[in-house]
Amino acid sequence: MGAVNAFARTIVVITKNPKLLLIPLIISIILSPVSAYLVKEMPMFGSFSEFQEGGNESVIFEEHGAFSEEMLAEFANFFKFLLIFMVISLLLQALSEYAMIKGALMAEEGREYSLVDLIYEGIMHVFQVFLTILIVGIISFAVLSIPLFVFGVLLFISGGNPALVFLLFLVEIPLVLFVIGASSMAVPIYVMSNSISASLACFSLAFRNKLSSVTFGALLAVSIFFLLAVPASFIGVLFFGRTDFMANLIANLLQAPFQAIIQALVAIGGLMLYLELSEKEKEEKLLEFEF
């Protein structure tokens, strides 16, 4: 029930405080032109266009090879720019996540807040939140890699037994959902404690409430899937096969509201799950003390 209650509380908080969605929405809109430019300038799309226009692919491959020096240089420059964009994007998302969680927390406490103040606080804590996300991401990756490594060795020894592949899925899927639920609480814990080390307690809290964490992870994953699928379906029909800047820009702008809702679900959802599980554990301790 803890996961369901947390998810329900998340929806209520978002619907009662829709202005919180403006923070990730503005960031998505700001990043849209750069993202559209990156897709347009992606070397594989440029090469594909050249092949379509030239119509003589065999000559190109015979003269320059599959990857010419010029193409490799284009790839290197593109990935440098992509890396810079990803870092800036993650920093802005960290700012957005802190601001939304702080705003939701203040709303839960009945306090007034302004978006300007929330953004300012987000800027002050952006690097700490980024580091928190990075550390939790590394731990999550390590946790998910353990069964992959173990079953990979077993598959190699057994010669690719299909039963082991099925068993791997049975182990990995609940583990992925558990990690989603646990990691969603990391930044909310940081916001409330102002401590990166304290945020790592998300894993121990989730482990003590495994069923709730896995259930919440499943609810979050299903919600994100549908929120990604809805815009992808009609955007794919509108701009099928197009890689020009304007098509990518319009597609990104159309997706921006859905991305804002996804970010709000993850950030505020993690806060609500943490509050729900914390309240549950406090109640259990009080009952134990009474007895």
C-alpha atoms as a PDB file:
ATOM      1  CA  MET A   1       0.000   0.000   0.000  1.00  0.00           C
ATOM      2  CA  GLY A   2       2.953   2.347   0.624  1.00  0.00           C
ATOM      3  CA  ALA A   3       3.851   2.529  -3.081  1.00  0.00           C
ATOM      4  CA  VAL A   4       0.254   3.103  -4.207  1.00  0.00           C
ATOM      5  CA  ASN A   5      -0.254   5.807  -1.570  1.00  0.00           C
ATOM      6  CA  ALA A   6       3.014   7.485  -2.580  1.00  0.00           C
ATOM      7  CA  PHE A   7       2.066   7.470  -6.257  1.00  0.00           C
ATOM      8  CA  ALA A   8      -1.414   8.821  -5.473  1.00  0.00           C
ATOM      9  CA  ARG A   9       0.124  11.579  -3.322  1.00  0.00           C
ATOM     10  CA  THR A  10       2.442  12.424  -6.221  1.00  0.00           C
ATOM     11  CA  ILE A  11      -0.474  12.927  -8.619  1.00  0.00           C
ATOM     12  CA  VAL A  12      -2.310  15.052  -6.038  1.00  0.00           C
ATOM     13  CA  VAL A  13       0.724  17.285  -5.387  1.00  0.00           C
ATOM     14  CA  ILE A  14       1.363  17.795  -9.121  1.00  0.00           C
ATOM     15  CA  THR A  15      -2.295  18.614  -9.867  1.00  0.00           C
ATOM     16  CA  LYS A  16      -2.483  21.023  -6.909  1.00  0.00           C
ATOM     17  CA  ASN A  17       0.830  22.691  -7.816  1.00  0.00           C
ATOM     18  CA  PRO A  18       0.929  22.759 -11.648  1.00  0.00           C
ATOM     19  CA  LYS A  19       3.286  25.764 -11.623  1.00  0.00           C
ATOM     20  CA  LEU A  20       6.062  23.410 -10.486  1.00  0.00           C
ATOM     21  CA  LEU A  21       5.901  21.883 -13.971  1.00  0.00           C
ATOM     22  CA  LEU A  22       7.015  25.227 -15.407  1.00  0.00           C
ATOM     23  CA  ILE A  23      10.571  24.633 -14.149  1.00  0.00           C
ATOM     24  CA  PRO A  24      11.295  21.428 -16.142  1.00  0.00           C
ATOM     25  CA  LEU A  25       9.168  22.738 -19.031  1.00  0.00           C
ATOM     26  CA  ILE A  26      11.283  25.901 -19.381  1.00  0.00           C
ATOM     27  CA  ILE A  27      14.470  23.827 -19.226  1.00  0.00           C
ATOM     28  CA  SER A  28      13.171  21.400 -21.892  1.00  0.00           C
ATOM     29  CA  ILE A  29      12.259  24.326 -24.158  1.00  0.00           C
ATOM     30  CA  ILE A  30      15.702  25.918 -23.647  1.00  0.00           C
ATOM     31  CA  LEU A  31      17.449  22.643 -24.548  1.00  0.00           C
ATOM     32  CA  SER A  32      15.197  21.903 -27.547  1.00  0.00           C
ATOM     33  CA  PRO A  33      17.068  23.985 -30.183  1.00  0.00           C
ATOM     34  CA  VAL A  34      20.450  22.526 -29.184  1.00  0.00           C
ATOM     35  CA  SER A  35      19.038  18.997 -29.198  1.00  0.00           C
ATOM     36  CA  ALA A  36      17.478  19.580 -32.626  1.00  0.00           C
ATOM     37  CA  TYR A  37      20.792  20.907 -33.958  1.00  0.00           C
ATOM     38  CA  LEU A  38      22.637  17.852 -32.604  1.00  0.00           C
ATOM     39  CA  VAL A  39      20.271  15.441 -34.366  1.00  0.00           C
ATOM     40  CA  LYS A  40      20.624  17.419 -37.601  1.00  0.00           C
ATOM     41  CA  GLU A  41      24.425  17.439 -37.357  1.00  0.00           C
ATOM     42  CA  MET A  42      24.740  13.770 -36.380  1.00  0.00           C
ATOM     43  CA  PRO A  43      27.356  12.354 -38.798  1.00  0.00           C
ATOM     44  CA  MET A  44      25.342   9.240 -39.664  1.00  0.00           C
ATOM     45  CA  PHE A  45      22.417  11.403 -40.853  1.00  0.00           C
ATOM     46  CA  GLY A  46      24.727  13.564 -42.939  1.00  0.00           C
ATOM     47  CA  SER A  47      26.287  10.505 -44.544  1.00  0.00           C
ATOM     48  CA  PHE A  48      22.867   8.972 -45.136  1.00  0.00           C
ATOM     49  CA  SER A  49      21.703  12.152 -46.909  1.00  0.00           C
ATOM     50  CA  GLU A  50      24.824  12.179 -49.059  1.00  0.00           C
ATOM     51  CA  PHE A  51      24.271   8.548 -50.052  1.00  0.00           C
ATOM     52  CA  GLN A  52      20.638   9.270 -50.940  1.00  0.00           C
ATOM     53  CA  GLU A  53      21.548  12.324 -53.025  1.00  0.00           C
ATOM     54  CA  GLY A  54      24.636  10.808 -54.639  1.00  0.00           C
ATOM     55  CA  GLY A  55      23.131   7.415 -55.390  1.00  0.00           C
ATOM     56  CA  ASN A  56      26.620   5.907 -55.808  1.00  0.00           C
ATOM     57  CA  GLU A  57      27.418   4.345 -52.455  1.00  0.00           C
ATOM     58  CA  SER A  58      29.867   1.762 -53.840  1.00  0.00           C
ATOM     59  CA  VAL A  59      32.141   4.495 -55.268  1.00  0.00           C
ATOM     60  CA  ILE A  60      32.160   6.333 -51.910  1.00  0.00           C
ATOM     61  CA  PHE A  61      33.097   3.179 -50.014  1.00  0.00           C
ATOM     62  CA  GLU A  62      35.748   2.198 -52.579  1.00  0.00           C
ATOM     63  CA  GLU A  63      37.397   5.624 -52.548  1.00  0.00           C
ATOM     64  CA  HIS A  64      37.197   6.468 -48.846  1.00  0.00           C
ATOM     65  CA  GLY A  65      36.449   3.206 -47.043  1.00  0.00           C
ATOM     66  CA  ALA A  66      33.617   2.675 -44.584  1.00  0.00           C
ATOM     67  CA  PHE A  67      35.089   5.322 -42.221  1.00  0.00           C
ATOM     68  CA  SER A  68      37.318   7.954 -43.811  1.00  0.00           C
ATOM     69  CA  GLU A  69      39.603  10.219 -41.761  1.00  0.00           C
ATOM     70  CA  GLU A  70      37.242  13.111 -42.433  1.00  0.00           C
ATOM     71  CA  MET A  71      34.256  11.105 -41.162  1.00  0.00           C
ATOM     72  CA  LEU A  72      36.156  10.011 -38.039  1.00  0.00           C
ATOM     73  CA  ALA A  73      37.072  13.657 -37.343  1.00  0.00           C
ATOM     74  CA  GLU A  74      33.383  14.604 -37.715  1.00  0.00           C
ATOM     75  CA  PHE A  75      32.414  11.868 -35.258  1.00  0.00           C
ATOM     76  CA  ALA A  76      35.050  13.063 -32.745  1.00  0.00           C
ATOM     77  CA  ASN A  77      33.872  16.700 -32.943  1.00  0.00           C
ATOM     78  CA  PHE A  78      30.242  15.658 -32.736  1.00  0.00           C
ATOM     79  CA  PHE A  79      30.768  13.524 -29.624  1.00  0.00           C
ATOM     80  CA  LYS A  80      32.759  16.312 -27.926  1.00  0.00           C
ATOM     81  CA  PHE A  81      29.834  18.666 -28.464  1.00  0.00           C
ATOM     82  CA  LEU A  82      27.402  15.927 -27.413  1.00  0.00           C
ATOM     83  CA  LEU A  83      29.318  15.343 -24.168  1.00  0.00           C
ATOM     84  CA  ILE A  84      29.246  19.068 -23.319  1.00  0.00           C
ATOM     85  CA  PHE A  85      25.524  19.186 -24.083  1.00  0.00           C
ATOM     86  CA  MET A  86      24.852  16.120 -21.902  1.00  0.00           C
ATOM     87  CA  VAL A  87      26.727  17.621 -18.930  1.00  0.00           C
ATOM     88  CA  ILE A  88      24.864  20.939 -19.248  1.00  0.00           C
ATOM     89  CA  SER A  89      21.564  19.064 -19.658  1.00  0.00           C
ATOM     90  CA  LEU A  90      22.194  16.941 -16.551  1.00  0.00           C
ATOM     91  CA  LEU A  91      23.137  20.019 -14.517  1.00  0.00           C
ATOM     92  CA  LEU A  92      19.933  21.802 -15.571  1.00  0.00           C
ATOM     93  CA  GLN A  93      17.899  18.703 -14.755  1.00  0.00           C
ATOM     94  CA  ALA A  94      19.582  18.525 -11.347  1.00  0.00           C
ATOM     95  CA  LEU A  95      18.583  22.147 -10.766  1.00  0.00           C
ATOM     96  CA  SER A  96      15.022  21.347 -11.868  1.00  0.00           C
ATOM     97  CA  GLU A  97      14.802  18.257  -9.650  1.00  0.00           C
ATOM     98  CA  TYR A  98      15.982  20.120  -6.535  1.00  0.00           C
ATOM     99  CA  ALA A  99      13.593  23.031  -7.202  1.00  0.00           C
ATOM    100  CA  MET A 100      10.558  20.778  -7.747  1.00  0.00           C
ATOM    101  CA  ILE A 101      11.256  18.659  -4.666  1.00  0.00           C
ATOM    102  CA  LYS A 102      11.784  21.754  -2.518  1.00  0.00           C
ATOM    103  CA  GLY A 103       8.556  23.276  -3.844  1.00  0.00           C
ATOM    104  CA  ALA A 104       6.580  20.061  -3.268  1.00  0.00           C
ATOM    105  CA  LEU A 105       8.000  19.764   0.253  1.00  0.00           C
ATOM    106  CA  MET A 106       7.007  23.341   1.069  1.00  0.00           C
ATOM    107  CA  ALA A 107       3.538  22.721  -0.383  1.00  0.00           C
ATOM    108  CA  GLU A 108       3.157  19.612   1.814  1.00  0.00           C
ATOM    109  CA  GLU A 109       4.085  21.725   4.843  1.00  0.00           C
ATOM    110  CA  GLY A 110       1.561  24.418   3.861  1.00  0.00           C
ATOM    111  CA  ARG A 111       4.238  27.034   3.145  1.00  0.00           C
ATOM    112  CA  GLU A 112       4.199  29.550   0.288  1.00  0.00           C
ATOM    113  CA  TYR A 113       6.930  29.443  -2.347  1.00  0.00           C
ATOM    114  CA  SER A 114       7.935  31.297  -5.501  1.00  0.00           C
ATOM    115  CA  LEU A 115       9.469  29.767  -8.615  1.00  0.00           C
ATOM    116  CA  VAL A 116      12.262  32.365  -8.603  1.00  0.00           C
ATOM    117  CA  ASP A 117      13.308  31.371  -5.070  1.00  0.00           C
ATOM    118  CA  LEU A 118      13.123  27.664  -5.962  1.00  0.00           C
ATOM    119  CA  ILE A 119      15.278  28.174  -9.055  1.00  0.00           C
ATOM    120  CA  TYR A 120      17.780  30.205  -7.013  1.00  0.00           C
ATOM    121  CA  GLU A 121      18.019  27.411  -4.430  1.00  0.00           C
ATOM    122  CA  GLY A 122      18.367  24.891  -7.245  1.00  0.00           C
ATOM    123  CA  ILE A 123      21.335  26.852  -8.638  1.00  0.00           C
ATOM    124  CA  MET A 124      22.961  26.906  -5.177  1.00  0.00           C
ATOM    125  CA  HIS A 125      22.685  23.108  -4.882  1.00  0.00           C
ATOM    126  CA  VAL A 126      23.039  22.046  -8.521  1.00  0.00           C
ATOM    127  CA  PHE A 127      26.530  20.510  -8.225  1.00  0.00           C
ATOM    128  CA  GLN A 128      25.664  18.632  -5.008  1.00  0.00           C
ATOM    129  CA  VAL A 129      22.531  17.183  -6.635  1.00  0.00           C
ATOM    130  CA  PHE A 130      24.502  16.305  -9.770  1.00  0.00           C
ATOM    131  CA  LEU A 131      27.087  14.491  -7.623  1.00  0.00           C
ATOM    132  CA  THR A 132      24.308  12.702  -5.706  1.00  0.00           C
ATOM    133  CA  ILE A 133      22.734  11.503  -8.963  1.00  0.00           C
ATOM    134  CA  LEU A 134      26.146  10.423 -10.278  1.00  0.00           C
ATOM    135  CA  ILE A 135      27.051   8.419  -7.144  1.00  0.00           C
ATOM    136  CA  VAL A 136      23.621   6.782  -6.934  1.00  0.00           C
ATOM    137  CA  GLY A 137      23.801   6.021 -10.666  1.00  0.00           C
ATOM    138  CA  ILE A 138      27.166   4.269 -10.255  1.00  0.00           C
ATOM    139  CA  ILE A 139      25.872   2.217  -7.297  1.00  0.00           C
ATOM    140  CA  SER A 140      22.700   1.327  -9.217  1.00  0.00           C
ATOM    141  CA  PHE A 141      24.745   0.233 -12.234  1.00  0.00           C
ATOM    142  CA  ALA A 142      26.965  -1.927 -10.001  1.00  0.00           C
ATOM    143  CA  VAL A 143      23.915  -3.565  -8.372  1.00  0.00           C
ATOM    144  CA  LEU A 144      22.324  -4.327 -11.755  1.00  0.00           C
ATOM    145  CA  SER A 145      25.621  -5.633 -13.155  1.00  0.00           C
ATOM    146  CA  ILE A 146      26.046  -8.354 -10.511  1.00  0.00           C
ATOM    147  CA  PRO A 147      23.370 -10.768 -11.845  1.00  0.00           C
ATOM    148  CA  LEU A 148      24.412  -9.964 -15.431  1.00  0.00           C
ATOM    149  CA  PHE A 149      27.988 -10.989 -14.633  1.00  0.00           C
ATOM    150  CA  VAL A 150      26.975 -14.123 -12.682  1.00  0.00           C
ATOM    151  CA  PHE A 151      24.519 -15.345 -15.307  1.00  0.00           C
ATOM    152  CA  GLY A 152      26.928 -14.367 -18.083  1.00  0.00           C
ATOM    153  CA  VAL A 153      29.530 -16.735 -16.591  1.00  0.00           C
ATOM    154  CA  LEU A 154      26.906 -19.467 -16.142  1.00  0.00           C
ATOM    155  CA  LEU A 155      25.723 -19.030 -19.744  1.00  0.00           C
ATOM    156  CA  PHE A 156      29.301 -19.292 -20.997  1.00  0.00           C
ATOM    157  CA  ILE A 157      29.904 -22.477 -18.972  1.00  0.00           C
ATOM    158  CA  SER A 158      26.571 -24.071 -19.973  1.00  0.00           C
ATOM    159  CA  GLY A 159      26.913 -23.119 -23.632  1.00  0.00           C
ATOM    160  CA  GLY A 160      23.935 -20.730 -23.700  1.00  0.00           C
ATOM    161  CA  ASN A 161      21.218 -22.556 -21.786  1.00  0.00           C
ATOM    162  CA  PRO A 162      17.839 -20.820 -22.595  1.00  0.00           C
ATOM    163  CA  ALA A 163      16.562 -21.566 -19.082  1.00  0.00           C
ATOM    164  CA  LEU A 164      19.356 -19.384 -17.631  1.00  0.00           C
ATOM    165  CA  VAL A 165      18.340 -16.489 -19.921  1.00  0.00           C
ATOM    166  CA  PHE A 166      14.752 -16.770 -18.670  1.00  0.00           C
ATOM    167  CA  LEU A 167      16.001 -16.943 -15.074  1.00  0.00           C
ATOM    168  CA  LEU A 168      18.145 -13.845 -15.666  1.00  0.00           C
ATOM    169  CA  PHE A 169      15.034 -11.909 -16.726  1.00  0.00           C
ATOM    170  CA  LEU A 170      13.181 -13.109 -13.631  1.00  0.00           C
ATOM    171  CA  VAL A 171      15.992 -11.775 -11.430  1.00  0.00           C
ATOM    172  CA  GLU A 172      16.887  -8.615 -13.361  1.00  0.00           C
ATOM    173  CA  ILE A 173      13.419  -7.124 -13.926  1.00  0.00           C
ATOM    174  CA  PRO A 174      12.440  -6.910 -10.206  1.00  0.00           C
ATOM    175  CA  LEU A 175      15.962  -5.662  -9.460  1.00  0.00           C
ATOM    176  CA  VAL A 176      15.622  -2.890 -12.066  1.00  0.00           C
ATOM    177  CA  LEU A 177      12.260  -1.852 -10.575  1.00  0.00           C
ATOM    178  CA  PHE A 178      13.780  -1.921  -7.078  1.00  0.00           C
ATOM    179  CA  VAL A 179      16.662   0.322  -8.203  1.00  0.00           C
ATOM    180  CA  ILE A 180      14.223   2.758  -9.859  1.00  0.00           C
ATOM    181  CA  GLY A 181      12.244   3.037  -6.622  1.00  0.00           C
ATOM    182  CA  ALA A 182      15.339   3.310  -4.412  1.00  0.00           C
ATOM    183  CA  SER A 183      17.226   5.827  -6.559  1.00  0.00           C
ATOM    184  CA  SER A 184      14.167   8.089  -6.895  1.00  0.00           C
ATOM    185  CA  MET A 185      14.459   8.811  -3.139  1.00  0.00           C
ATOM    186  CA  ALA A 186      18.131   9.890  -3.241  1.00  0.00           C
ATOM    187  CA  VAL A 187      17.675  13.551  -4.200  1.00  0.00           C
ATOM    188  CA  PRO A 188      14.636  14.051  -1.914  1.00  0.00           C
ATOM    189  CA  ILE A 189      16.738  12.763   1.006  1.00  0.00           C
ATOM    190  CA  TYR A 190      19.508  15.193   0.024  1.00  0.00           C
ATOM    191  CA  VAL A 191      17.017  18.088  -0.164  1.00  0.00           C
ATOM    192  CA  MET A 192      15.715  17.279   3.327  1.00  0.00           C
ATOM    193  CA  SER A 193      19.089  16.520   4.952  1.00  0.00           C
ATOM    194  CA  ASN A 194      21.463  18.676   2.867  1.00  0.00           C
ATOM    195  CA  SER A 195      23.895  15.732   2.954  1.00  0.00           C
ATOM    196  CA  ILE A 196      25.112  13.652   0.011  1.00  0.00           C
ATOM    197  CA  SER A 197      26.141  10.772   2.285  1.00  0.00           C
ATOM    198  CA  ALA A 198      22.680  10.747   3.888  1.00  0.00           C
ATOM    199  CA  SER A 199      21.098  10.425   0.435  1.00  0.00           C
ATOM    200  CA  LEU A 200      22.710   6.986   0.044  1.00  0.00           C
ATOM    201  CA  ALA A 201      20.352   5.764   2.778  1.00  0.00           C
ATOM    202  CA  CYS A 202      17.785   5.472  -0.026  1.00  0.00           C
ATOM    203  CA  PHE A 203      19.081   1.950  -0.712  1.00  0.00           C
ATOM    204  CA  SER A 204      18.802   0.731   2.893  1.00  0.00           C
ATOM    205  CA  LEU A 205      15.325   2.284   3.242  1.00  0.00           C
ATOM    206  CA  ALA A 206      14.231   0.665  -0.012  1.00  0.00           C
ATOM    207  CA  PHE A 207      15.707  -2.694   1.059  1.00  0.00           C
ATOM    208  CA  ARG A 208      13.694  -2.594   4.302  1.00  0.00           C
ATOM    209  CA  ASN A 209      10.605  -1.928   2.196  1.00  0.00           C
ATOM    210  CA  LYS A 210      11.368  -4.102  -0.825  1.00  0.00           C
ATOM    211  CA  LEU A 211       7.801  -4.742  -2.005  1.00  0.00           C
ATOM    212  CA  SER A 212       6.843  -1.060  -1.830  1.00  0.00           C
ATOM    213  CA  SER A 213      10.036  -0.035  -3.663  1.00  0.00           C
ATOM    214  CA  VAL A 214       9.544  -2.571  -6.462  1.00  0.00           C
ATOM    215  CA  THR A 215       5.843  -1.673  -6.820  1.00  0.00           C
ATOM    216  CA  PHE A 216       6.605   2.050  -6.947  1.00  0.00           C
ATOM    217  CA  GLY A 217       9.356   1.408  -9.513  1.00  0.00           C
ATOM    218  CA  ALA A 218       6.834  -0.506 -11.644  1.00  0.00           C
ATOM    219  CA  LEU A 219       4.247   2.299 -11.405  1.00  0.00           C
ATOM    220  CA  LEU A 220       6.890   4.853 -12.347  1.00  0.00           C
ATOM    221  CA  ALA A 221       8.233   2.765 -15.248  1.00  0.00           C
ATOM    222  CA  VAL A 222       4.756   2.158 -16.718  1.00  0.00           C
ATOM    223  CA  SER A 223       3.858   5.857 -16.396  1.00  0.00           C
ATOM    224  CA  ILE A 224       7.088   6.950 -18.090  1.00  0.00           C
ATOM    225  CA  PHE A 225       6.554   4.413 -20.897  1.00  0.00           C
ATOM    226  CA  PHE A 226       3.083   5.763 -21.716  1.00  0.00           C
ATOM    227  CA  LEU A 227       4.193   9.393 -21.387  1.00  0.00           C
ATOM    228  CA  LEU A 228       6.977   8.691 -23.901  1.00  0.00           C
ATOM    229  CA  ALA A 229       4.788   6.598 -26.195  1.00  0.00           C
ATOM    230  CA  VAL A 230       2.011   9.190 -26.609  1.00  0.00           C
ATOM    231  CA  PRO A 231       4.126  11.973 -28.188  1.00  0.00           C
ATOM    232  CA  ALA A 232       6.355   9.481 -30.035  1.00  0.00           C
ATOM    233  CA  SER A 233       3.342   8.013 -31.850  1.00  0.00           C
ATOM    234  CA  PHE A 234       2.007  11.217 -33.407  1.00  0.00           C
ATOM    235  CA  ILE A 235       5.419  12.888 -33.800  1.00  0.00           C
ATOM    236  CA  GLY A 236       6.642   9.814 -35.687  1.00  0.00           C
ATOM    237  CA  VAL A 237       3.725  10.107 -38.107  1.00  0.00           C
ATOM    238  CA  LEU A 238       4.215  13.872 -38.609  1.00  0.00           C
ATOM    239  CA  PHE A 239       7.978  13.839 -39.174  1.00  0.00           C
ATOM    240  CA  PHE A 240       8.729  10.308 -40.399  1.00  0.00           C
ATOM    241  CA  GLY A 241      12.105  10.205 -42.154  1.00  0.00           C
ATOM    242  CA  ARG A 242      12.881  13.899 -41.644  1.00  0.00           C
ATOM    243  CA  THR A 243      16.139  14.963 -39.976  1.00  0.00           C
ATOM    244  CA  ASP A 244      16.134  18.713 -40.747  1.00  0.00           C
ATOM    245  CA  PHE A 245      16.447  21.285 -37.957  1.00  0.00           C
ATOM    246  CA  MET A 246      12.865  22.602 -37.996  1.00  0.00           C
ATOM    247  CA  ALA A 247      11.312  19.119 -37.892  1.00  0.00           C
ATOM    248  CA  ASN A 248      13.504  18.143 -34.933  1.00  0.00           C
ATOM    249  CA  LEU A 249      12.835  21.448 -33.160  1.00  0.00           C
ATOM    250  CA  ILE A 250       9.050  21.125 -33.490  1.00  0.00           C
ATOM    251  CA  ALA A 251       9.240  17.472 -32.367  1.00  0.00           C
ATOM    252  CA  ASN A 252      11.278  18.464 -29.291  1.00  0.00           C
ATOM    253  CA  LEU A 253       8.883  21.299 -28.417  1.00  0.00           C
ATOM    254  CA  LEU A 254       5.903  18.951 -28.705  1.00  0.00           C
ATOM    255  CA  GLN A 255       7.631  16.473 -26.393  1.00  0.00           C
ATOM    256  CA  ALA A 256       8.656  19.141 -23.828  1.00  0.00           C
ATOM    257  CA  PRO A 257       5.390  19.055 -21.773  1.00  0.00           C
ATOM    258  CA  PHE A 258       5.552  15.267 -21.531  1.00  0.00           C
ATOM    259  CA  GLN A 259       9.203  15.398 -20.463  1.00  0.00           C
ATOM    260  CA  ALA A 260       8.283  17.966 -17.811  1.00  0.00           C
ATOM    261  CA  ILE A 261       5.599  15.635 -16.417  1.00  0.00           C
ATOM    262  CA  ILE A 262       8.060  12.703 -16.397  1.00  0.00           C
ATOM    263  CA  GLN A 263      10.650  14.753 -14.474  1.00  0.00           C
ATOM    264  CA  ALA A 264       7.975  15.846 -12.003  1.00  0.00           C
ATOM    265  CA  LEU A 265       6.799  12.261 -11.502  1.00  0.00           C
ATOM    266  CA  VAL A 266      10.340  11.066 -10.777  1.00  0.00           C
ATOM    267  CA  ALA A 267      11.323  13.979  -8.506  1.00  0.00           C
ATOM    268  CA  ILE A 268       8.087  14.465  -6.570  1.00  0.00           C
ATOM    269  CA  GLY A 269       7.319  10.742  -6.674  1.00  0.00           C
ATOM    270  CA  GLY A 270      10.643   9.974  -4.993  1.00  0.00           C
ATOM    271  CA  LEU A 271       9.839  12.526  -2.291  1.00  0.00           C
ATOM    272  CA  MET A 272       6.372  11.059  -1.679  1.00  0.00           C
ATOM    273  CA  LEU A 273       7.777   7.516  -1.517  1.00  0.00           C
ATOM    274  CA  TYR A 274      10.405   8.630   0.998  1.00  0.00           C
ATOM    275  CA  LEU A 275       7.801  10.415   3.146  1.00  0.00           C
ATOM    276  CA  GLU A 276       5.440   7.435   2.959  1.00  0.00           C
ATOM    277  CA  LEU A 277       8.100   4.862   3.922  1.00  0.00           C
ATOM    278  CA  SER A 278       9.538   7.118   6.652  1.00  0.00           C
ATOM    279  CA  GLU A 279       6.081   7.652   8.169  1.00  0.00           C
ATOM    280  CA  LYS A 280       5.424   3.913   8.001  1.00  0.00           C
ATOM    281  CA  GLU A 281       8.671   3.072   9.806  1.00  0.00           C
ATOM    282  CA  LYS A 282       8.012   5.715  12.473  1.00  0.00           C
ATOM    283  CA  GLU A 283       4.558   4.251  13.121  1.00  0.00           C
ATOM    284  CA  GLU A 284       6.020   0.738  13.390  1.00  0.00           C
ATOM    285  CA  LYS A 285       8.653   1.919  15.889  1.00  0.00           C
ATOM    286  CA  LEU A 286       5.987   3.654  17.986  1.00  0.00           C
ATOM    287  CA  LEU A 287       3.908   0.460  18.061  1.00  0.00           C
ATOM    288  CA  GLU A 288       6.976  -1.561  19.109  1.00  0.00           C
ATOM    289  CA  PHE A 289       7.730   0.979  21.859  1.00  0.00           C
ATOM    290  CA  GLU A 290       4.150   0.810  23.166  1.00  0.00           C
ATOM    291  CA  PHE A 291       4.272  -2.975  23.401  1.00  0.00           C
END
